[in-house]
Amino acid sequence: MADGYRSLSIGEIRGLEAAGCRSNSWESVFVKDPFNAERIQNVTFSGIVRLGFFNGTARERCGLPLLHGIRNAHIHNCTISDNVTITDITGFIANYDIGEGVVIRNCGHISTEGRTSFGNGTRVAVLNETGGREVPIWDRLTSHMAYIITLYRHRPVAIEVIEKFIADYTESVKSDRGEIGAGSYIAGCGTIKNVKIGYGAVIEDVSRLAEGSVNSSFKDPVYIGNDVIMDHFIICSGSRVNDAAVIDKCFIGQGCTLSKQYSAENSLFFSNCGGYHGEACSIFAGPYTVTHHKSTLLIAGIFSFMNAGSGSNQSNHMYKLGPIHQGIMERGSKTTSDSYVLWPSRIGPFT
């Protein structure tokens, strides 16, 4: 077979079966030399599966050695590169290309289901909670581009050109196979569905990741930690989401931290933002927007270089008309504890 893979020999098939492995079609399992069947135990194969060689040892961060290989798993329609470690998968791994040196252990379901754009093209109802200023997120979104899409609605031709550009990119990345980049570490996760994972990412003990892109890199890896739920998202290099944060329809730029039960939906976070304990809804968080306290709600506003005091709140409702209003806090603003702002408002810089 092309790309250095070959079919299993009769002896290798018998060795795998003796180690508790099963397949309805061993003809659809391909391997790369030097193949070591002893590193594969109690594995069910289905679909077309390509296996690299396994001849080394990975290590947990505590120093615990883990032999490269696959044990106690169901692998469906995957390409697994060299020296990968996959152990104790209670559900299955399906329709993924897994890079060299990846460690996946003690997980539930990791799968790609149908054609997906991995979060690209998701329309985020930023600033106006009822819609009308939606920003389609994509891997290369910048704050400048998002600002134009959000606020320059009086320039419909410009908006149309930008959104066409994003739509073309979204179509180009659609696939029925996910990717897990080389050197990534995934452990103790519940469900990962339709998620593209970049190089060196660390994802551990999450509850659910769905329809998203983890744009990690070796130089600045992404960390997603315990009990996190993320749907329809893109997260960029150097960012951290952990401690039971709940994220839906959000773009998370470089160097951001969302943690300590933070909740965010329909929001954009650009570089070096921090969100802890509180809630964000339909916000445009420019660089260095920080909220660190419980009972703090940021809603339907534009912020940057901003520090939200404890209990800060804004209201975008107008009696029976619903959440139709919005506001702008220009850069460098600071809200006091238990402050309340009724949108529409505009607050000047360094206020």
Protein backbone atom coordinates (compact mmCIF):
# COMPACT_ATOMS: atom_id res chain seq x y z
CA MET A 1 0.00 0.00 0.00
CA ALA A 2 1.13 3.60 -0.60
CA ASP A 3 2.71 5.84 2.06
CA GLY A 4 4.71 3.01 3.59
CA TYR A 5 1.77 0.96 4.89
CA ARG A 6 1.26 -2.73 4.18
CA SER A 7 -1.29 -5.43 4.94
CA LEU A 8 -0.99 -7.65 7.99
CA SER A 9 0.57 -11.07 7.62
CA ILE A 10 -1.27 -14.21 8.72
CA GLY A 11 1.12 -14.58 11.65
CA GLU A 12 0.52 -10.98 12.76
CA ILE A 13 -3.25 -11.46 12.60
CA ARG A 14 -3.01 -14.58 14.74
CA GLY A 15 -0.79 -12.75 17.21
CA LEU A 16 -3.26 -9.87 17.46
CA GLU A 17 -6.19 -12.24 17.96
CA ALA A 18 -4.28 -14.06 20.68
CA ALA A 19 -3.88 -10.66 22.41
CA GLY A 20 -7.66 -10.12 22.41
CA CYS A 21 -7.90 -8.00 19.24
CA ARG A 22 -10.83 -8.29 16.85
CA SER A 23 -11.79 -7.11 13.37
CA ASN A 24 -14.49 -8.10 10.92
CA SER A 25 -12.07 -7.31 8.10
CA TRP A 26 -8.37 -7.66 8.82
CA GLU A 27 -7.83 -6.77 5.15
CA SER A 28 -8.76 -3.18 6.06
CA VAL A 29 -6.05 -2.86 8.73
CA PHE A 30 -2.70 -1.63 7.42
CA VAL A 31 0.56 -1.26 9.33
CA LYS A 32 3.99 0.31 8.97
CA ASP A 33 7.30 -1.43 9.59
CA PRO A 34 8.82 -2.13 12.02
CA PHE A 35 5.43 -3.34 13.29
CA ASN A 36 5.29 -4.74 16.83
CA ALA A 37 2.04 -6.65 17.39
CA GLU A 38 2.85 -7.08 21.09
CA ARG A 39 2.10 -3.37 21.63
CA ILE A 40 -1.55 -3.85 20.62
CA GLN A 41 -3.85 -5.59 23.09
CA ASN A 42 -7.62 -5.96 23.43
CA VAL A 43 -8.42 -3.63 20.52
CA THR A 44 -11.38 -3.79 18.14
CA PHE A 45 -10.74 -2.47 14.63
CA SER A 46 -13.42 -1.42 12.14
CA GLY A 47 -13.41 0.60 8.95
CA ILE A 48 -10.06 1.36 7.30
CA VAL A 49 -7.33 1.64 9.93
CA ARG A 50 -3.68 2.58 9.38
CA LEU A 51 -1.19 2.01 12.18
CA GLY A 52 2.32 3.40 12.52
CA PHE A 53 5.07 1.65 14.46
CA PHE A 54 5.19 1.56 18.26
CA ASN A 55 8.63 1.02 19.74
CA GLY A 56 9.20 3.55 22.48
CA THR A 57 7.88 4.83 25.79
CA ALA A 58 5.89 7.94 26.63
CA ARG A 59 5.84 9.47 30.09
CA GLU A 60 3.18 11.09 32.17
CA ARG A 61 4.13 14.46 33.60
CA CYS A 62 4.65 12.72 36.94
CA GLY A 63 7.22 10.46 35.28
CA LEU A 64 5.03 7.34 35.01
CA PRO A 65 6.13 5.37 31.92
CA LEU A 66 3.56 4.48 29.25
CA LEU A 67 4.48 2.07 26.48
CA HIS A 68 3.65 3.32 23.00
CA GLY A 69 0.86 1.21 21.56
CA ILE A 70 -2.90 0.64 21.76
CA ARG A 71 -4.68 -1.17 24.58
CA ASN A 72 -8.35 -1.55 25.50
CA ALA A 73 -9.92 0.51 22.71
CA HIS A 74 -12.22 0.46 19.69
CA ILE A 75 -10.60 2.17 16.69
CA HIS A 76 -12.80 2.97 13.69
CA ASN A 77 -11.59 4.42 10.41
CA CYS A 78 -8.48 6.12 11.82
CA THR A 79 -4.90 6.79 10.77
CA ILE A 80 -2.58 6.54 13.76
CA SER A 81 0.98 7.81 13.37
CA ASP A 82 4.18 6.48 14.91
CA ASN A 83 4.69 6.05 18.65
CA VAL A 84 1.18 6.96 19.72
CA THR A 85 -0.18 5.78 23.08
CA ILE A 86 -3.90 4.96 23.30
CA THR A 87 -5.23 3.18 26.39
CA ASP A 88 -8.54 2.49 28.12
CA ILE A 89 -11.08 4.02 25.74
CA THR A 90 -14.52 3.10 27.10
CA GLY A 91 -16.35 4.13 23.92
CA PHE A 92 -14.45 4.52 20.64
CA ILE A 93 -12.19 6.71 18.53
CA ALA A 94 -13.68 7.22 15.06
CA ASN A 95 -12.71 9.09 11.89
CA TYR A 96 -9.55 10.78 13.16
CA ASP A 97 -6.00 11.27 11.91
CA ILE A 98 -3.78 11.09 14.99
CA GLY A 99 -0.32 12.64 14.89
CA GLU A 100 3.01 11.30 16.08
CA GLY A 101 3.60 10.97 19.81
CA VAL A 102 0.00 11.66 20.83
CA VAL A 103 -1.18 10.23 24.17
CA ILE A 104 -4.89 9.43 24.60
CA ARG A 105 -5.96 7.60 27.74
CA ASN A 106 -9.04 6.98 29.88
CA CYS A 107 -11.47 8.72 27.52
CA GLY A 108 -15.03 8.06 26.37
CA HIS A 109 -15.91 8.99 22.79
CA ILE A 110 -13.66 10.84 20.34
CA SER A 111 -15.30 11.05 16.94
CA THR A 112 -16.00 13.00 13.78
CA GLU A 113 -19.59 12.65 12.64
CA GLY A 114 -20.38 13.76 9.08
CA ARG A 115 -18.82 16.78 7.38
CA THR A 116 -17.94 19.56 9.77
CA SER A 117 -16.07 22.85 9.67
CA PHE A 118 -14.79 22.47 13.26
CA GLY A 119 -16.39 25.69 14.53
CA ASN A 120 -15.44 27.78 11.50
CA GLY A 121 -18.40 29.74 10.16
CA THR A 122 -20.30 29.72 13.47
CA ARG A 123 -22.24 32.98 13.65
CA VAL A 124 -21.78 34.70 16.99
CA ALA A 125 -24.50 37.18 18.01
CA VAL A 126 -22.08 39.69 19.46
CA LEU A 127 -23.07 43.09 20.92
CA ASN A 128 -26.78 42.80 20.06
CA GLU A 129 -28.20 39.76 21.79
CA THR A 130 -31.11 39.51 19.36
CA GLY A 131 -28.83 39.42 16.31
CA GLY A 132 -28.13 41.76 13.43
CA ARG A 133 -24.40 42.17 14.14
CA GLU A 134 -23.35 38.51 13.93
CA VAL A 135 -19.68 37.74 13.37
CA PRO A 136 -18.83 34.45 11.62
CA ILE A 137 -15.79 33.14 13.49
CA TRP A 138 -12.88 31.42 11.76
CA ASP A 139 -9.35 30.30 12.58
CA ARG A 140 -7.75 33.61 11.53
CA LEU A 141 -10.22 36.07 13.00
CA THR A 142 -8.66 39.32 14.26
CA SER A 143 -10.15 42.01 16.47
CA HIS A 144 -9.88 44.48 13.58
CA MET A 145 -11.90 42.28 11.23
CA ALA A 146 -14.49 41.51 13.91
CA TYR A 147 -14.83 45.23 14.71
CA ILE A 148 -15.58 46.04 11.08
CA ILE A 149 -18.16 43.25 10.78
CA THR A 150 -19.81 44.29 14.05
CA LEU A 151 -19.96 48.07 13.73
CA TYR A 152 -19.73 48.86 10.02
CA ARG A 153 -23.17 47.61 9.09
CA HIS A 154 -23.64 50.83 7.13
CA ARG A 155 -21.03 49.44 4.70
CA PRO A 156 -22.92 46.38 3.41
CA VAL A 157 -20.63 45.78 0.43
CA ALA A 158 -17.55 45.61 2.67
CA ILE A 159 -19.34 43.25 5.06
CA GLU A 160 -20.41 41.04 2.16
CA VAL A 161 -16.85 40.78 0.83
CA ILE A 162 -15.42 39.87 4.25
CA GLU A 163 -18.12 37.31 4.98
CA LYS A 164 -17.64 35.75 1.53
CA PHE A 165 -13.93 35.39 2.30
CA ILE A 166 -14.74 33.67 5.61
CA ALA A 167 -17.36 31.44 3.97
CA ASP A 168 -14.84 30.29 1.34
CA TYR A 169 -12.33 29.42 4.05
CA THR A 170 -15.00 27.59 6.04
CA GLU A 171 -15.88 25.50 3.02
CA SER A 172 -12.20 24.71 2.42
CA VAL A 173 -11.69 23.23 5.90
CA LYS A 174 -14.83 21.09 5.95
CA SER A 175 -14.03 17.43 6.40
CA ASP A 176 -15.46 14.16 7.63
CA ARG A 177 -12.17 13.41 9.42
CA GLY A 178 -10.81 15.16 12.47
CA GLU A 179 -7.18 15.76 13.37
CA ILE A 180 -5.23 15.43 16.59
CA GLY A 181 -1.89 17.18 16.19
CA ALA A 182 1.45 15.62 17.05
CA GLY A 183 2.48 15.73 20.69
CA SER A 184 -1.02 16.32 22.06
CA TYR A 185 -2.09 14.85 25.39
CA ILE A 186 -5.74 13.89 25.97
CA ALA A 187 -6.78 12.17 29.21
CA GLY A 188 -9.89 11.57 31.28
CA CYS A 189 -12.25 13.22 28.79
CA GLY A 190 -15.91 12.39 28.31
CA THR A 191 -16.93 13.34 24.76
CA ILE A 192 -14.91 15.04 22.03
CA LYS A 193 -16.96 15.37 18.84
CA ASN A 194 -16.09 17.18 15.61
CA VAL A 195 -13.07 18.93 17.12
CA LYS A 196 -9.79 19.68 15.33
CA ILE A 197 -6.87 19.67 17.76
CA GLY A 198 -3.52 21.30 16.98
CA TYR A 199 0.03 20.46 18.00
CA GLY A 200 0.96 19.96 21.63
CA ALA A 201 -2.50 20.60 23.08
CA VAL A 202 -3.24 19.39 26.61
CA ILE A 203 -6.86 18.37 27.15
CA GLU A 204 -7.67 16.59 30.38
CA ASP A 205 -10.80 15.73 32.36
CA VAL A 206 -13.16 17.78 30.17
CA SER A 207 -16.84 16.89 30.11
CA ARG A 208 -17.56 17.78 26.48
CA LEU A 209 -15.95 19.47 23.50
CA ALA A 210 -18.08 19.71 20.35
CA GLU A 211 -17.84 21.51 17.01
CA GLY A 212 -14.63 23.42 17.54
CA SER A 213 -10.98 24.06 16.73
CA VAL A 214 -8.15 23.96 19.26
CA ASN A 215 -5.47 25.97 17.45
CA SER A 216 -2.58 24.92 19.63
CA SER A 217 1.13 25.04 18.78
CA PHE A 218 4.28 23.54 20.26
CA LYS A 219 5.60 27.00 21.12
CA ASP A 220 2.38 28.10 22.82
CA PRO A 221 0.08 25.15 23.57
CA VAL A 222 -3.59 25.34 24.50
CA TYR A 223 -4.74 23.87 27.81
CA ILE A 224 -8.35 22.76 28.39
CA GLY A 225 -8.98 21.28 31.81
CA ASN A 226 -11.36 19.77 34.30
CA ASP A 227 -15.14 19.66 33.80
CA VAL A 228 -15.13 22.15 30.92
CA ILE A 229 -18.01 22.16 28.42
CA MET A 230 -17.35 23.90 25.09
CA ASP A 231 -19.64 23.92 22.04
CA HIS A 232 -19.22 25.75 18.70
CA PHE A 233 -15.91 27.41 19.50
CA ILE A 234 -12.45 28.34 18.31
CA ILE A 235 -9.61 28.68 20.82
CA CYS A 236 -6.20 30.06 19.87
CA SER A 237 -2.64 29.37 20.99
CA GLY A 238 -1.58 30.00 24.56
CA SER A 239 -5.10 30.10 25.97
CA ARG A 240 -6.42 28.17 28.97
CA VAL A 241 -9.98 27.10 29.78
CA ASN A 242 -10.51 25.05 32.92
CA ASP A 243 -12.30 24.66 36.27
CA ALA A 244 -15.80 23.90 34.92
CA ALA A 245 -16.05 26.83 32.51
CA VAL A 246 -19.04 26.63 30.14
CA ILE A 247 -18.50 28.09 26.65
CA ASP A 248 -20.95 28.24 23.73
CA LYS A 249 -20.54 30.03 20.39
CA CYS A 250 -17.34 31.86 21.32
CA PHE A 251 -14.01 32.84 19.79
CA ILE A 252 -11.14 32.78 22.30
CA GLY A 253 -8.03 34.58 21.08
CA GLN A 254 -4.40 34.13 22.05
CA GLY A 255 -3.27 34.13 25.66
CA CYS A 256 -6.74 34.19 27.24
CA THR A 257 -7.82 32.47 30.45
CA LEU A 258 -11.43 31.50 31.22
CA SER A 259 -11.71 29.63 34.49
CA LYS A 260 -13.42 29.08 37.86
CA GLN A 261 -16.92 28.27 36.56
CA TYR A 262 -16.93 31.15 34.06
CA SER A 263 -19.85 31.09 31.62
CA ALA A 264 -19.76 32.70 28.18
CA GLU A 265 -21.98 32.58 25.12
CA ASN A 266 -22.10 34.43 21.81
CA SER A 267 -18.94 36.36 22.69
CA LEU A 268 -15.55 37.23 21.24
CA PHE A 269 -12.46 37.31 23.46
CA PHE A 270 -9.29 38.69 21.95
CA SER A 271 -5.73 38.56 23.24
CA ASN A 272 -4.95 38.31 26.95
CA CYS A 273 -8.51 38.46 28.26
CA GLY A 274 -9.34 36.89 31.61
CA GLY A 275 -12.71 35.64 32.83
CA TYR A 276 -13.32 34.06 36.25
CA HIS A 277 -16.45 33.18 38.24
CA GLY A 278 -18.84 35.47 36.31
CA GLU A 279 -20.75 35.51 33.04
CA ALA A 280 -20.46 36.99 29.55
CA CYS A 281 -23.23 37.25 26.99
CA SER A 282 -22.88 38.81 23.53
CA ILE A 283 -19.76 40.81 24.38
CA PHE A 284 -16.91 42.03 22.22
CA ALA A 285 -13.98 41.68 24.61
CA GLY A 286 -11.02 43.49 23.14
CA PRO A 287 -7.50 42.85 24.43
CA TYR A 288 -7.01 42.75 28.21
CA THR A 289 -10.67 42.66 29.20
CA VAL A 290 -10.63 41.16 32.70
CA THR A 291 -13.43 40.09 35.04
CA HIS A 292 -12.39 38.24 38.18
CA HIS A 293 -15.37 38.20 40.53
CA LYS A 294 -18.60 36.36 41.21
CA SER A 295 -21.94 37.96 40.30
CA THR A 296 -20.30 39.98 37.52
CA LEU A 297 -22.20 40.06 34.23
CA LEU A 298 -20.79 41.59 31.07
CA ILE A 299 -23.48 41.75 28.41
CA ALA A 300 -24.05 43.36 25.01
CA GLY A 301 -21.03 45.65 25.18
CA ILE A 302 -17.64 46.42 23.69
CA PHE A 303 -14.76 46.43 26.18
CA SER A 304 -10.96 46.60 26.07
CA PHE A 305 -8.23 47.12 28.67
CA MET A 306 -11.14 46.93 31.10
CA ASN A 307 -11.39 45.68 34.69
CA ALA A 308 -14.87 44.73 35.91
CA GLY A 309 -15.48 45.20 39.62
CA SER A 310 -17.30 42.60 41.68
CA GLY A 311 -21.02 42.52 41.02
CA SER A 312 -20.77 44.74 37.92
CA ASN A 313 -23.85 44.49 35.77
CA GLN A 314 -25.34 45.98 32.64
CA SER A 315 -28.88 45.82 31.30
CA ASN A 316 -29.66 45.65 27.60
CA HIS A 317 -33.45 45.27 28.00
CA MET A 318 -35.95 48.01 27.28
CA TYR A 319 -39.14 47.08 29.11
CA LYS A 320 -41.20 44.78 26.86
CA LEU A 321 -39.06 45.23 23.75
CA GLY A 322 -36.46 42.71 24.89
CA PRO A 323 -32.64 42.76 24.85
CA ILE A 324 -32.24 45.20 21.97
CA HIS A 325 -29.72 47.69 23.39
CA GLN A 326 -25.94 47.75 23.51
CA GLY A 327 -23.12 49.85 24.87
CA ILE A 328 -19.47 50.78 24.54
CA MET A 329 -16.91 51.11 27.31
CA GLU A 330 -13.84 52.60 25.71
CA ARG A 331 -10.39 51.34 26.61
CA GLY A 332 -9.04 51.54 30.12
CA SER A 333 -12.38 51.71 31.95
CA LYS A 334 -12.97 50.29 35.43
CA THR A 335 -16.36 49.52 36.93
CA THR A 336 -16.84 49.71 40.69
CA SER A 337 -18.23 46.94 42.83
CA ASP A 338 -21.99 46.47 42.41
CA SER A 339 -22.10 49.00 39.57
CA TYR A 340 -25.08 49.04 37.22
CA VAL A 341 -25.13 50.51 33.72
CA LEU A 342 -28.30 50.81 31.65
CA TRP A 343 -27.57 50.44 27.95
CA PRO A 344 -27.51 52.24 25.56
CA SER A 345 -24.52 54.12 26.93
CA ARG A 346 -21.07 55.15 25.82
CA ILE A 347 -18.37 55.53 28.43
CA GLY A 348 -15.18 57.37 27.52
CA PRO A 349 -11.64 56.01 27.82
CA PHE A 350 -9.91 55.63 31.20
CA THR A 351 -13.14 56.21 33.11
